[in-house]
């Protein structure tokens, strides 16, 4: 598992990417899917997840739908029509950032 400080700035793009690939997901489902995809290397805690989801909802990027599962209420998150532009912007920026990190952390090339 990666250090929390290392993954902290990547959580919003990860969450938006997950939600852009499915019609709707609930919080625990998002954490489990990320854990599964990354073989447990990225573990999003509820304490990190829900403030991000609420912020994105307040910004109009996500909307929620409550469904009753037995006696419990489950809140599903969906990217809004307006939110899809933000998802594209954030995922493109993250891809560019990853490419930049690769430049920094790749072994130096020998100059001939």
PDB file of N, CA and C in Angstrom:
ATOM      1  N   UNK A   1       0.839  -1.175   0.000  1.00  0.00           N
ATOM      2  CA  UNK A   1       0.000   0.000   0.000  1.00  0.00           C
ATOM      3  C   UNK A   1       0.885   1.240   0.000  1.00  0.00           C
ATOM      4  N   UNK A   2       0.486   2.211  -0.800  1.00  0.00           N
ATOM      5  CA  UNK A   2       1.253   3.448  -0.885  1.00  0.00           C
ATOM      6  C   UNK A   2       0.973   4.351   0.313  1.00  0.00           C
ATOM      7  N   UNK A   3       1.937   5.187   0.637  1.00  0.00           N
ATOM      8  CA  UNK A   3       1.803   6.163   1.710  1.00  0.00           C
ATOM      9  C   UNK A   3       0.640   7.110   1.398  1.00  0.00           C
ATOM     10  N   UNK A   4      -0.138   7.439   2.411  1.00  0.00           N
ATOM     11  CA  UNK A   4      -1.313   8.314   2.241  1.00  0.00           C
ATOM     12  C   UNK A   4      -0.932   9.677   1.659  1.00  0.00           C
ATOM     13  N   UNK A   5       0.221  10.214   2.059  1.00  0.00           N
ATOM     14  CA  UNK A   5       0.661  11.518   1.541  1.00  0.00           C
ATOM     15  C   UNK A   5       0.918  11.448   0.040  1.00  0.00           C
ATOM     16  N   UNK A   6       1.389  10.297  -0.429  1.00  0.00           N
ATOM     17  CA  UNK A   6       1.679  10.121  -1.847  1.00  0.00           C
ATOM     18  C   UNK A   6       0.391  10.094  -2.673  1.00  0.00           C
ATOM     19  N   UNK A   7      -0.637   9.438  -2.154  1.00  0.00           N
ATOM     20  CA  UNK A   7      -1.873   9.276  -2.924  1.00  0.00           C
ATOM     21  C   UNK A   7      -2.892  10.390  -2.713  1.00  0.00           C
ATOM     22  N   UNK A   8      -2.698  11.209  -1.699  1.00  0.00           N
ATOM     23  CA  UNK A   8      -3.692  12.219  -1.319  1.00  0.00           C
ATOM     24  C   UNK A   8      -4.157  13.089  -2.497  1.00  0.00           C
ATOM     25  N   UNK A   9      -3.260  13.610  -3.266  1.00  0.00           N
ATOM     26  CA  UNK A   9      -3.615  14.493  -4.375  1.00  0.00           C
ATOM     27  C   UNK A   9      -4.192  13.787  -5.582  1.00  0.00           C
ATOM     28  N   UNK A  10      -4.143  12.462  -5.580  1.00  0.00           N
ATOM     29  CA  UNK A  10      -4.663  11.713  -6.726  1.00  0.00           C
ATOM     30  C   UNK A  10      -6.065  11.155  -6.488  1.00  0.00           C
ATOM     31  N   UNK A  11      -6.584  11.317  -5.286  1.00  0.00           N
ATOM     32  CA  UNK A  11      -7.868  10.691  -4.961  1.00  0.00           C
ATOM     33  C   UNK A  11      -9.033  11.243  -5.773  1.00  0.00           C
ATOM     34  N   UNK A  12      -9.115  12.552  -5.926  1.00  0.00           N
ATOM     35  CA  UNK A  12     -10.224  13.114  -6.705  1.00  0.00           C
ATOM     36  C   UNK A  12     -10.205  12.608  -8.145  1.00  0.00           C
ATOM     37  N   UNK A  13      -9.070  12.645  -8.843  1.00  0.00           N
ATOM     38  CA  UNK A  13      -9.060  12.099 -10.205  1.00  0.00           C
ATOM     39  C   UNK A  13      -9.401  10.606 -10.247  1.00  0.00           C
ATOM     40  N   UNK A  14      -8.938   9.845  -9.264  1.00  0.00           N
ATOM     41  CA  UNK A  14      -9.249   8.411  -9.227  1.00  0.00           C
ATOM     42  C   UNK A  14     -10.754   8.206  -9.062  1.00  0.00           C
ATOM     43  N   UNK A  15     -11.354   8.928  -8.130  1.00  0.00           N
ATOM     44  CA  UNK A  15     -12.791   8.805  -7.881  1.00  0.00           C
ATOM     45  C   UNK A  15     -13.585   9.202  -9.124  1.00  0.00           C
ATOM     46  N   UNK A  16     -13.217  10.299  -9.751  1.00  0.00           N
ATOM     47  CA  UNK A  16     -13.921  10.739 -10.961  1.00  0.00           C
ATOM     48  C   UNK A  16     -13.762   9.734 -12.098  1.00  0.00           C
ATOM     49  N   UNK A  17     -12.586   9.152 -12.222  1.00  0.00           N
ATOM     50  CA  UNK A  17     -12.351   8.138 -13.258  1.00  0.00           C
ATOM     51  C   UNK A  17     -13.251   6.929 -13.031  1.00  0.00           C
ATOM     52  N   UNK A  18     -13.331   6.467 -11.788  1.00  0.00           N
ATOM     53  CA  UNK A  18     -14.192   5.325 -11.461  1.00  0.00           C
ATOM     54  C   UNK A  18     -15.649   5.631 -11.820  1.00  0.00           C
ATOM     55  N   UNK A  19     -16.115   6.808 -11.418  1.00  0.00           N
ATOM     56  CA  UNK A  19     -17.508   7.170 -11.659  1.00  0.00           C
ATOM     57  C   UNK A  19     -17.801   7.437 -13.134  1.00  0.00           C
ATOM     58  N   UNK A  20     -16.793   7.796 -13.904  1.00  0.00           N
ATOM     59  CA  UNK A  20     -17.014   8.044 -15.333  1.00  0.00           C
ATOM     60  C   UNK A  20     -17.156   6.741 -16.111  1.00  0.00           C
ATOM     61  N   UNK A  21     -16.713   5.644 -15.523  1.00  0.00           N
ATOM     62  CA  UNK A  21     -16.738   4.359 -16.220  1.00  0.00           C
ATOM     63  C   UNK A  21     -17.952   3.506 -15.872  1.00  0.00           C
ATOM     64  N   UNK A  22     -18.759   3.952 -14.929  1.00  0.00           N
ATOM     65  CA  UNK A  22     -19.962   3.220 -14.528  1.00  0.00           C
ATOM     66  C   UNK A  22     -21.120   4.203 -14.410  1.00  0.00           C
ATOM     67  N   UNK A  23     -22.331   3.728 -14.624  1.00  0.00           N
ATOM     68  CA  UNK A  23     -23.470   4.644 -14.527  1.00  0.00           C
ATOM     69  C   UNK A  23     -23.652   5.217 -13.123  1.00  0.00           C
ATOM     70  N   UNK A  24     -23.412   4.409 -12.097  1.00  0.00           N
ATOM     71  CA  UNK A  24     -23.504   4.896 -10.722  1.00  0.00           C
ATOM     72  C   UNK A  24     -22.780   3.933  -9.796  1.00  0.00           C
ATOM     73  N   UNK A  25     -22.248   4.493  -8.712  1.00  0.00           N
ATOM     74  CA  UNK A  25     -21.538   3.696  -7.706  1.00  0.00           C
ATOM     75  C   UNK A  25     -21.813   4.302  -6.338  1.00  0.00           C
ATOM     76  N   UNK A  26     -21.770   3.465  -5.317  1.00  0.00           N
ATOM     77  CA  UNK A  26     -21.866   3.970  -3.949  1.00  0.00           C
ATOM     78  C   UNK A  26     -20.466   3.991  -3.351  1.00  0.00           C
ATOM     79  N   UNK A  27     -20.304   4.711  -2.258  1.00  0.00           N
ATOM     80  CA  UNK A  27     -18.979   4.961  -1.700  1.00  0.00           C
ATOM     81  C   UNK A  27     -18.141   3.722  -1.462  1.00  0.00           C
ATOM     82  N   UNK A  28     -18.678   2.755  -0.734  1.00  0.00           N
ATOM     83  CA  UNK A  28     -17.920   1.543  -0.421  1.00  0.00           C
ATOM     84  C   UNK A  28     -17.524   0.812  -1.702  1.00  0.00           C
ATOM     85  N   UNK A  29     -18.402   0.818  -2.686  1.00  0.00           N
ATOM     86  CA  UNK A  29     -18.125   0.178  -3.972  1.00  0.00           C
ATOM     87  C   UNK A  29     -16.916   0.830  -4.656  1.00  0.00           C
ATOM     88  N   UNK A  30     -16.829   2.153  -4.576  1.00  0.00           N
ATOM     89  CA  UNK A  30     -15.692   2.870  -5.156  1.00  0.00           C
ATOM     90  C   UNK A  30     -14.398   2.417  -4.490  1.00  0.00           C
ATOM     91  N   UNK A  31     -14.396   2.369  -3.151  1.00  0.00           N
ATOM     92  CA  UNK A  31     -13.172   1.974  -2.434  1.00  0.00           C
ATOM     93  C   UNK A  31     -12.760   0.555  -2.791  1.00  0.00           C
ATOM     94  N   UNK A  32     -13.729  -0.342  -2.901  1.00  0.00           N
ATOM     95  CA  UNK A  32     -13.419  -1.738  -3.209  1.00  0.00           C
ATOM     96  C   UNK A  32     -12.921  -1.910  -4.641  1.00  0.00           C
ATOM     97  N   UNK A  33     -13.497  -1.174  -5.563  1.00  0.00           N
ATOM     98  CA  UNK A  33     -13.071  -1.262  -6.965  1.00  0.00           C
ATOM     99  C   UNK A  33     -11.637  -0.749  -7.131  1.00  0.00           C
ATOM    100  N   UNK A  34     -11.318   0.351  -6.467  1.00  0.00           N
ATOM    101  CA  UNK A  34      -9.952   0.888  -6.529  1.00  0.00           C
ATOM    102  C   UNK A  34      -8.977  -0.112  -5.911  1.00  0.00           C
ATOM    103  N   UNK A  35      -9.338  -0.680  -4.784  1.00  0.00           N
ATOM    104  CA  UNK A  35      -8.486  -1.672  -4.120  1.00  0.00           C
ATOM    105  C   UNK A  35      -8.262  -2.875  -5.039  1.00  0.00           C
ATOM    106  N   UNK A  36      -9.325  -3.322  -5.705  1.00  0.00           N
ATOM    107  CA  UNK A  36      -9.237  -4.477  -6.606  1.00  0.00           C
ATOM    108  C   UNK A  36      -8.340  -4.176  -7.810  1.00  0.00           C
ATOM    109  N   UNK A  37      -8.581  -3.051  -8.462  1.00  0.00           N
ATOM    110  CA  UNK A  37      -7.814  -2.680  -9.661  1.00  0.00           C
ATOM    111  C   UNK A  37      -6.328  -2.529  -9.343  1.00  0.00           C
ATOM    112  N   UNK A  38      -6.021  -1.976  -8.168  1.00  0.00           N
ATOM    113  CA  UNK A  38      -4.625  -1.697  -7.803  1.00  0.00           C
ATOM    114  C   UNK A  38      -3.996  -2.806  -6.964  1.00  0.00           C
ATOM    115  N   UNK A  39      -4.680  -3.933  -6.862  1.00  0.00           N
ATOM    116  CA  UNK A  39      -4.197  -5.058  -6.040  1.00  0.00           C
ATOM    117  C   UNK A  39      -3.873  -4.604  -4.619  1.00  0.00           C
ATOM    118  N   UNK A  40      -4.691  -3.720  -4.088  1.00  0.00           N
ATOM    119  CA  UNK A  40      -4.533  -3.256  -2.714  1.00  0.00           C
ATOM    120  C   UNK A  40      -3.495  -2.169  -2.509  1.00  0.00           C
ATOM    121  N   UNK A  41      -2.857  -1.705  -3.576  1.00  0.00           N
ATOM    122  CA  UNK A  41      -1.818  -0.674  -3.431  1.00  0.00           C
ATOM    123  C   UNK A  41      -2.404   0.697  -3.105  1.00  0.00           C
ATOM    124  N   UNK A  42      -3.621   0.946  -3.556  1.00  0.00           N
ATOM    125  CA  UNK A  42      -4.294   2.203  -3.210  1.00  0.00           C
ATOM    126  C   UNK A  42      -5.540   1.847  -2.413  1.00  0.00           C
ATOM    127  N   UNK A  43      -5.573   2.341  -1.191  1.00  0.00           N
ATOM    128  CA  UNK A  43      -6.670   2.069  -0.270  1.00  0.00           C
ATOM    129  C   UNK A  43      -7.281   3.408   0.133  1.00  0.00           C
ATOM    130  N   UNK A  44      -8.484   3.673  -0.332  1.00  0.00           N
ATOM    131  CA  UNK A  44      -9.146   4.938  -0.019  1.00  0.00           C
ATOM    132  C   UNK A  44      -9.999   4.741   1.228  1.00  0.00           C
ATOM    133  N   UNK A  45      -9.678   5.467   2.267  1.00  0.00           N
ATOM    134  CA  UNK A  45     -10.453   5.369   3.508  1.00  0.00           C
ATOM    135  C   UNK A  45     -11.758   6.149   3.359  1.00  0.00           C
ATOM    136  N   UNK A  46     -12.739   5.792   4.181  1.00  0.00           N
ATOM    137  CA  UNK A  46     -14.001   6.528   4.167  1.00  0.00           C
ATOM    138  C   UNK A  46     -13.775   7.984   4.551  1.00  0.00           C
ATOM    139  N   UNK A  47     -12.833   8.219   5.460  1.00  0.00           N
ATOM    140  CA  UNK A  47     -12.522   9.576   5.900  1.00  0.00           C
ATOM    141  C   UNK A  47     -11.948  10.440   4.796  1.00  0.00           C
ATOM    142  N   UNK A  48     -11.338   9.817   3.795  1.00  0.00           N
ATOM    143  CA  UNK A  48     -10.813  10.552   2.640  1.00  0.00           C
ATOM    144  C   UNK A  48     -11.854  10.623   1.521  1.00  0.00           C
ATOM    145  N   UNK A  49     -12.627   9.559   1.364  1.00  0.00           N
ATOM    146  CA  UNK A  49     -13.573   9.452   0.254  1.00  0.00           C
ATOM    147  C   UNK A  49     -14.746  10.422   0.359  1.00  0.00           C
ATOM    148  N   UNK A  50     -15.442  10.385   1.476  1.00  0.00           N
ATOM    149  CA  UNK A  50     -16.706  11.124   1.562  1.00  0.00           C
ATOM    150  C   UNK A  50     -16.560  12.644   1.494  1.00  0.00           C
ATOM    151  N   UNK A  51     -15.534  13.248   2.074  1.00  0.00           N
ATOM    152  CA  UNK A  51     -15.383  14.698   1.869  1.00  0.00           C
ATOM    153  C   UNK A  51     -15.199  15.071   0.394  1.00  0.00           C
ATOM    154  N   UNK A  52     -14.492  14.225  -0.355  1.00  0.00           N
ATOM    155  CA  UNK A  52     -14.302  14.484  -1.786  1.00  0.00           C
ATOM    156  C   UNK A  52     -15.630  14.339  -2.523  1.00  0.00           C
ATOM    157  N   UNK A  53     -16.373  13.275  -2.229  1.00  0.00           N
ATOM    158  CA  UNK A  53     -17.671  13.073  -2.874  1.00  0.00           C
ATOM    159  C   UNK A  53     -18.618  14.234  -2.576  1.00  0.00           C
ATOM    160  N   UNK A  54     -18.651  14.677  -1.316  1.00  0.00           N
ATOM    161  CA  UNK A  54     -19.538  15.791  -0.946  1.00  0.00           C
ATOM    162  C   UNK A  54     -19.123  17.092  -1.639  1.00  0.00           C
ATOM    163  N   UNK A  55     -17.824  17.325  -1.734  1.00  0.00           N
ATOM    164  CA  UNK A  55     -17.327  18.525  -2.412  1.00  0.00           C
ATOM    165  C   UNK A  55     -17.727  18.508  -3.893  1.00  0.00           C
ATOM    166  N   UNK A  56     -17.544  17.361  -4.540  1.00  0.00           N
ATOM    167  CA  UNK A  56     -17.900  17.240  -5.955  1.00  0.00           C
ATOM    168  C   UNK A  56     -19.406  17.379  -6.166  1.00  0.00           C
ATOM    169  N   UNK A  57     -20.169  16.890  -5.208  1.00  0.00           N
ATOM    170  CA  UNK A  57     -21.625  17.043  -5.288  1.00  0.00           C
ATOM    171  C   UNK A  57     -22.013  18.520  -5.135  1.00  0.00           C
ATOM    172  N   UNK A  58     -21.403  19.202  -4.186  1.00  0.00           N
ATOM    173  CA  UNK A  58     -21.686  20.631  -3.975  1.00  0.00           C
ATOM    174  C   UNK A  58     -21.291  21.482  -5.179  1.00  0.00           C
ATOM    175  N   UNK A  59     -20.274  21.037  -5.921  1.00  0.00           N
ATOM    176  CA  UNK A  59     -19.824  21.758  -7.113  1.00  0.00           C
ATOM    177  C   UNK A  59     -20.674  21.433  -8.343  1.00  0.00           C
ATOM    178  N   UNK A  60     -21.612  20.500  -8.199  1.00  0.00           N
ATOM    179  CA  UNK A  60     -22.474  20.130  -9.317  1.00  0.00           C
ATOM    180  C   UNK A  60     -21.844  19.144 -10.279  1.00  0.00           C
ATOM    181  N   UNK A  61     -20.722  18.557  -9.899  1.00  0.00           N
ATOM    182  CA  UNK A  61     -20.039  17.583 -10.749  1.00  0.00           C
ATOM    183  C   UNK A  61     -20.670  16.202 -10.579  1.00  0.00           C
ATOM    184  N   UNK A  62     -21.133  15.919  -9.370  1.00  0.00           N
ATOM    185  CA  UNK A  62     -21.810  14.659  -9.075  1.00  0.00           C
ATOM    186  C   UNK A  62     -23.219  14.943  -8.584  1.00  0.00           C
ATOM    187  N   UNK A  63     -24.076  13.951  -8.776  1.00  0.00           N
ATOM    188  CA  UNK A  63     -25.398  13.992  -8.169  1.00  0.00           C
ATOM    189  C   UNK A  63     -25.618  12.658  -7.467  1.00  0.00           C
ATOM    190  N   UNK A  64     -26.560  12.643  -6.544  1.00  0.00           N
ATOM    191  CA  UNK A  64     -26.794  11.427  -5.772  1.00  0.00           C
ATOM    192  C   UNK A  64     -28.218  10.929  -5.956  1.00  0.00           C
ATOM    193  N   UNK A  65     -28.337   9.640  -5.722  1.00  0.00           N
ATOM    194  CA  UNK A  65     -29.638   8.979  -5.740  1.00  0.00           C
ATOM    195  C   UNK A  65     -29.649   8.024  -4.557  1.00  0.00           C
ATOM    196  N   UNK A  66     -30.660   8.143  -3.714  1.00  0.00           N
ATOM    197  CA  UNK A  66     -30.764   7.263  -2.548  1.00  0.00           C
ATOM    198  C   UNK A  66     -31.644   6.072  -2.897  1.00  0.00           C
ATOM    199  N   UNK A  67     -31.157   4.885  -2.527  1.00  0.00           N
ATOM    200  CA  UNK A  67     -31.920   3.659  -2.746  1.00  0.00           C
ATOM    201  C   UNK A  67     -31.954   2.882  -1.440  1.00  0.00           C
ATOM    202  N   UNK A  68     -33.086   2.271  -1.183  1.00  0.00           N
ATOM    203  CA  UNK A  68     -33.211   1.446   0.015  1.00  0.00           C
ATOM    204  C   UNK A  68     -32.801   0.018  -0.315  1.00  0.00           C
ATOM    205  N   UNK A  69     -31.831  -0.475   0.450  1.00  0.00           N
ATOM    206  CA  UNK A  69     -31.369  -1.853   0.338  1.00  0.00           C
ATOM    207  C   UNK A  69     -31.732  -2.494   1.677  1.00  0.00           C
ATOM    208  N   UNK A  70     -32.823  -3.246   1.687  1.00  0.00           N
ATOM    209  CA  UNK A  70     -33.321  -3.750   2.965  1.00  0.00           C
ATOM    210  C   UNK A  70     -33.773  -2.568   3.808  1.00  0.00           C
ATOM    211  N   UNK A  71     -33.226  -2.462   4.996  1.00  0.00           N
ATOM    212  CA  UNK A  71     -33.567  -1.355   5.899  1.00  0.00           C
ATOM    213  C   UNK A  71     -32.580  -0.201   5.807  1.00  0.00           C
ATOM    214  N   UNK A  72     -31.569  -0.365   4.978  1.00  0.00           N
ATOM    215  CA  UNK A  72     -30.523   0.661   4.878  1.00  0.00           C
ATOM    216  C   UNK A  72     -30.706   1.517   3.634  1.00  0.00           C
ATOM    217  N   UNK A  73     -30.261   2.745   3.748  1.00  0.00           N
ATOM    218  CA  UNK A  73     -30.272   3.660   2.601  1.00  0.00           C
ATOM    219  C   UNK A  73     -28.868   3.671   2.007  1.00  0.00           C
ATOM    220  N   UNK A  74     -28.788   3.449   0.715  1.00  0.00           N
ATOM    221  CA  UNK A  74     -27.498   3.500   0.024  1.00  0.00           C
ATOM    222  C   UNK A  74     -27.524   4.695  -0.918  1.00  0.00           C
ATOM    223  N   UNK A  75     -26.475   5.493  -0.863  1.00  0.00           N
ATOM    224  CA  UNK A  75     -26.378   6.703  -1.680  1.00  0.00           C
ATOM    225  C   UNK A  75     -25.479   6.401  -2.880  1.00  0.00           C
ATOM    226  N   UNK A  76     -26.050   6.469  -4.073  1.00  0.00           N
ATOM    227  CA  UNK A  76     -25.302   6.245  -5.303  1.00  0.00           C
ATOM    228  C   UNK A  76     -24.882   7.588  -5.888  1.00  0.00           C
ATOM    229  N   UNK A  77     -23.678   7.625  -6.412  1.00  0.00           N
ATOM    230  CA  UNK A  77     -23.124   8.840  -7.015  1.00  0.00           C
ATOM    231  C   UNK A  77     -23.032   8.646  -8.520  1.00  0.00           C
ATOM    232  N   UNK A  78     -23.370   9.704  -9.243  1.00  0.00           N
ATOM    233  CA  UNK A  78     -23.341   9.704 -10.702  1.00  0.00           C
ATOM    234  C   UNK A  78     -22.734  11.022 -11.171  1.00  0.00           C
ATOM    235  N   UNK A  79     -21.979  10.962 -12.261  1.00  0.00           N
ATOM    236  CA  UNK A  79     -21.436  12.190 -12.856  1.00  0.00           C
ATOM    237  C   UNK A  79     -22.579  12.907 -13.575  1.00  0.00           C
ATOM    238  N   UNK A  80     -22.723  14.203 -13.324  1.00  0.00           N
ATOM    239  CA  UNK A  80     -23.763  14.998 -13.986  1.00  0.00           C
ATOM    240  C   UNK A  80     -23.364  15.282 -15.433  1.00  0.00           C
ATOM    241  N   UNK A  81     -24.318  15.767 -16.214  1.00  0.00           N
ATOM    242  CA  UNK A  81     -24.003  16.145 -17.602  1.00  0.00           C
ATOM    243  C   UNK A  81     -22.893  17.186 -17.624  1.00  0.00           C
ATOM    244  N   UNK A  82     -22.998  18.189 -16.774  1.00  0.00           N
ATOM    245  CA  UNK A  82     -21.958  19.223 -16.699  1.00  0.00           C
ATOM    246  C   UNK A  82     -20.656  18.668 -16.133  1.00  0.00           C
ATOM    247  N   UNK A  83     -20.754  17.652 -15.299  1.00  0.00           N
ATOM    248  CA  UNK A  83     -19.575  17.072 -14.665  1.00  0.00           C
ATOM    249  C   UNK A  83     -18.666  16.310 -15.613  1.00  0.00           C
ATOM    250  N   UNK A  84     -19.206  15.829 -16.727  1.00  0.00           N
ATOM    251  CA  UNK A  84     -18.383  15.051 -17.667  1.00  0.00           C
ATOM    252  C   UNK A  84     -17.221  15.876 -18.223  1.00  0.00           C
ATOM    253  N   UNK A  85     -17.438  17.163 -18.430  1.00  0.00           N
ATOM    254  CA  UNK A  85     -16.346  18.037 -18.883  1.00  0.00           C
ATOM    255  C   UNK A  85     -15.244  18.126 -17.848  1.00  0.00           C
ATOM    256  N   UNK A  86     -15.626  18.221 -16.584  1.00  0.00           N
ATOM    257  CA  UNK A  86     -14.647  18.279 -15.491  1.00  0.00           C
ATOM    258  C   UNK A  86     -13.891  16.961 -15.385  1.00  0.00           C
ATOM    259  N   UNK A  87     -14.584  15.843 -15.553  1.00  0.00           N
ATOM    260  CA  UNK A  87     -13.932  14.532 -15.513  1.00  0.00           C
ATOM    261  C   UNK A  87     -12.870  14.456 -16.597  1.00  0.00           C
ATOM    262  N   UNK A  88     -13.214  14.880 -17.792  1.00  0.00           N
ATOM    263  CA  UNK A  88     -12.265  14.867 -18.906  1.00  0.00           C
ATOM    264  C   UNK A  88     -11.061  15.756 -18.607  1.00  0.00           C
ATOM    265  N   UNK A  89     -11.321  16.943 -18.086  1.00  0.00           N
ATOM    266  CA  UNK A  89     -10.250  17.882 -17.740  1.00  0.00           C
ATOM    267  C   UNK A  89      -9.314  17.292 -16.681  1.00  0.00           C
ATOM    268  N   UNK A  90      -9.887  16.721 -15.638  1.00  0.00           N
ATOM    269  CA  UNK A  90      -9.092  16.175 -14.531  1.00  0.00           C
ATOM    270  C   UNK A  90      -8.307  14.941 -14.972  1.00  0.00           C
ATOM    271  N   UNK A  91      -8.920  14.058 -15.757  1.00  0.00           N
ATOM    272  CA  UNK A  91      -8.199  12.856 -16.188  1.00  0.00           C
ATOM    273  C   UNK A  91      -7.090  13.201 -17.180  1.00  0.00           C
ATOM    274  N   UNK A  92      -7.319  14.182 -18.043  1.00  0.00           N
ATOM    275  CA  UNK A  92      -6.253  14.619 -18.955  1.00  0.00           C
ATOM    276  C   UNK A  92      -5.093  15.236 -18.187  1.00  0.00           C
ATOM    277  N   UNK A  93      -5.418  16.053 -17.188  1.00  0.00           N
ATOM    278  CA  UNK A  93      -4.370  16.661 -16.369  1.00  0.00           C
ATOM    279  C   UNK A  93      -3.585  15.591 -15.610  1.00  0.00           C
ATOM    280  N   UNK A  94      -4.281  14.580 -15.096  1.00  0.00           N
ATOM    281  CA  UNK A  94      -3.604  13.507 -14.367  1.00  0.00           C
ATOM    282  C   UNK A  94      -2.689  12.719 -15.298  1.00  0.00           C
ATOM    283  N   UNK A  95      -3.139  12.439 -16.510  1.00  0.00           N
ATOM    284  CA  UNK A  95      -2.296  11.738 -17.489  1.00  0.00           C
ATOM    285  C   UNK A  95      -1.033  12.527 -17.792  1.00  0.00           C
ATOM    286  N   UNK A  96      -1.189  13.824 -17.975  1.00  0.00           N
ATOM    287  CA  UNK A  96      -0.038  14.687 -18.232  1.00  0.00           C
ATOM    288  C   UNK A  96       0.911  14.691 -17.030  1.00  0.00           C
ATOM    289  N   UNK A  97       0.345  14.743 -15.833  1.00  0.00           N
ATOM    290  CA  UNK A  97       1.150  14.722 -14.606  1.00  0.00           C
ATOM    291  C   UNK A  97       1.940  13.418 -14.496  1.00  0.00           C
ATOM    292  N   UNK A  98       1.298  12.295 -14.812  1.00  0.00           N
ATOM    293  CA  UNK A  98       1.977  10.993 -14.779  1.00  0.00           C
ATOM    294  C   UNK A  98       3.125  10.979 -15.780  1.00  0.00           C
ATOM    295  N   UNK A  99       2.893  11.498 -16.983  1.00  0.00           N
ATOM    296  CA  UNK A  99       3.960  11.576 -17.992  1.00  0.00           C
ATOM    297  C   UNK A  99       5.134  12.413 -17.485  1.00  0.00           C
ATOM    298  N   UNK A 100       4.834  13.491 -16.776  1.00  0.00           N
ATOM    299  CA  UNK A 100       5.884  14.344 -16.215  1.00  0.00           C
ATOM    300  C   UNK A 100       6.665  13.607 -15.134  1.00  0.00           C
ATOM    301  N   UNK A 101       5.964  12.867 -14.291  1.00  0.00           N
ATOM    302  CA  UNK A 101       6.646  12.077 -13.254  1.00  0.00           C
ATOM    303  C   UNK A 101       7.560  11.025 -13.874  1.00  0.00           C
ATOM    304  N   UNK A 102       7.110  10.436 -14.963  1.00  0.00           N
ATOM    305  CA  UNK A 102       7.940   9.441 -15.654  1.00  0.00           C
ATOM    306  C   UNK A 102       9.235  10.085 -16.138  1.00  0.00           C
ATOM    307  N   UNK A 103       9.147  11.314 -16.637  1.00  0.00           N
ATOM    308  CA  UNK A 103      10.359  12.025 -17.069  1.00  0.00           C
ATOM    309  C   UNK A 103      11.338  12.193 -15.904  1.00  0.00           C
ATOM    310  N   UNK A 104      10.797  12.513 -14.742  1.00  0.00           N
ATOM    311  CA  UNK A 104      11.643  12.748 -13.570  1.00  0.00           C
ATOM    312  C   UNK A 104      12.226  11.452 -13.028  1.00  0.00           C
ATOM    313  N   UNK A 105      11.418  10.403 -12.957  1.00  0.00           N
ATOM    314  CA  UNK A 105      11.837   9.180 -12.281  1.00  0.00           C
ATOM    315  C   UNK A 105      12.399   8.098 -13.195  1.00  0.00           C
ATOM    316  N   UNK A 106      12.402   8.314 -14.496  1.00  0.00           N
ATOM    317  CA  UNK A 106      13.009   7.344 -15.403  1.00  0.00           C
ATOM    318  C   UNK A 106      14.519   7.399 -15.263  1.00  0.00           C
ATOM    319  N   UNK A 107      15.168   6.268 -15.498  1.00  0.00           N
ATOM    320  CA  UNK A 107      16.636   6.293 -15.438  1.00  0.00           C
ATOM    321  C   UNK A 107      17.186   7.284 -16.459  1.00  0.00           C
ATOM    322  N   UNK A 108      18.258   7.985 -16.107  1.00  0.00           N
ATOM    323  CA  UNK A 108      18.832   8.949 -17.058  1.00  0.00           C
ATOM    324  C   UNK A 108      19.334   8.241 -18.314  1.00  0.00           C
ATOM    325  N   UNK A 109      19.167   8.910 -19.438  1.00  0.00           N
ATOM    326  CA  UNK A 109      19.648   8.354 -20.703  1.00  0.00           C
ATOM    327  C   UNK A 109      21.102   8.755 -20.876  1.00  0.00           C
ATOM    328  N   UNK A 110      21.870   7.821 -21.335  1.00  0.00           N
ATOM    329  CA  UNK A 110      23.288   8.096 -21.576  1.00  0.00           C
ATOM    330  C   UNK A 110      23.438   8.902 -22.858  1.00  0.00           C
ATOM    331  N   UNK A 111      24.246   9.939 -22.791  1.00  0.00           N
ATOM    332  CA  UNK A 111      24.492  10.781 -23.961  1.00  0.00           C
ATOM    333  C   UNK A 111      25.730  10.240 -24.660  1.00  0.00           C
ATOM    334  N   UNK A 112      25.606   9.995 -25.948  1.00  0.00           N
ATOM    335  CA  UNK A 112      26.738   9.445 -26.706  1.00  0.00           C
ATOM    336  C   UNK A 112      27.452  10.531 -27.440  1.00  0.00           C
TER     337      UNK A 112
END
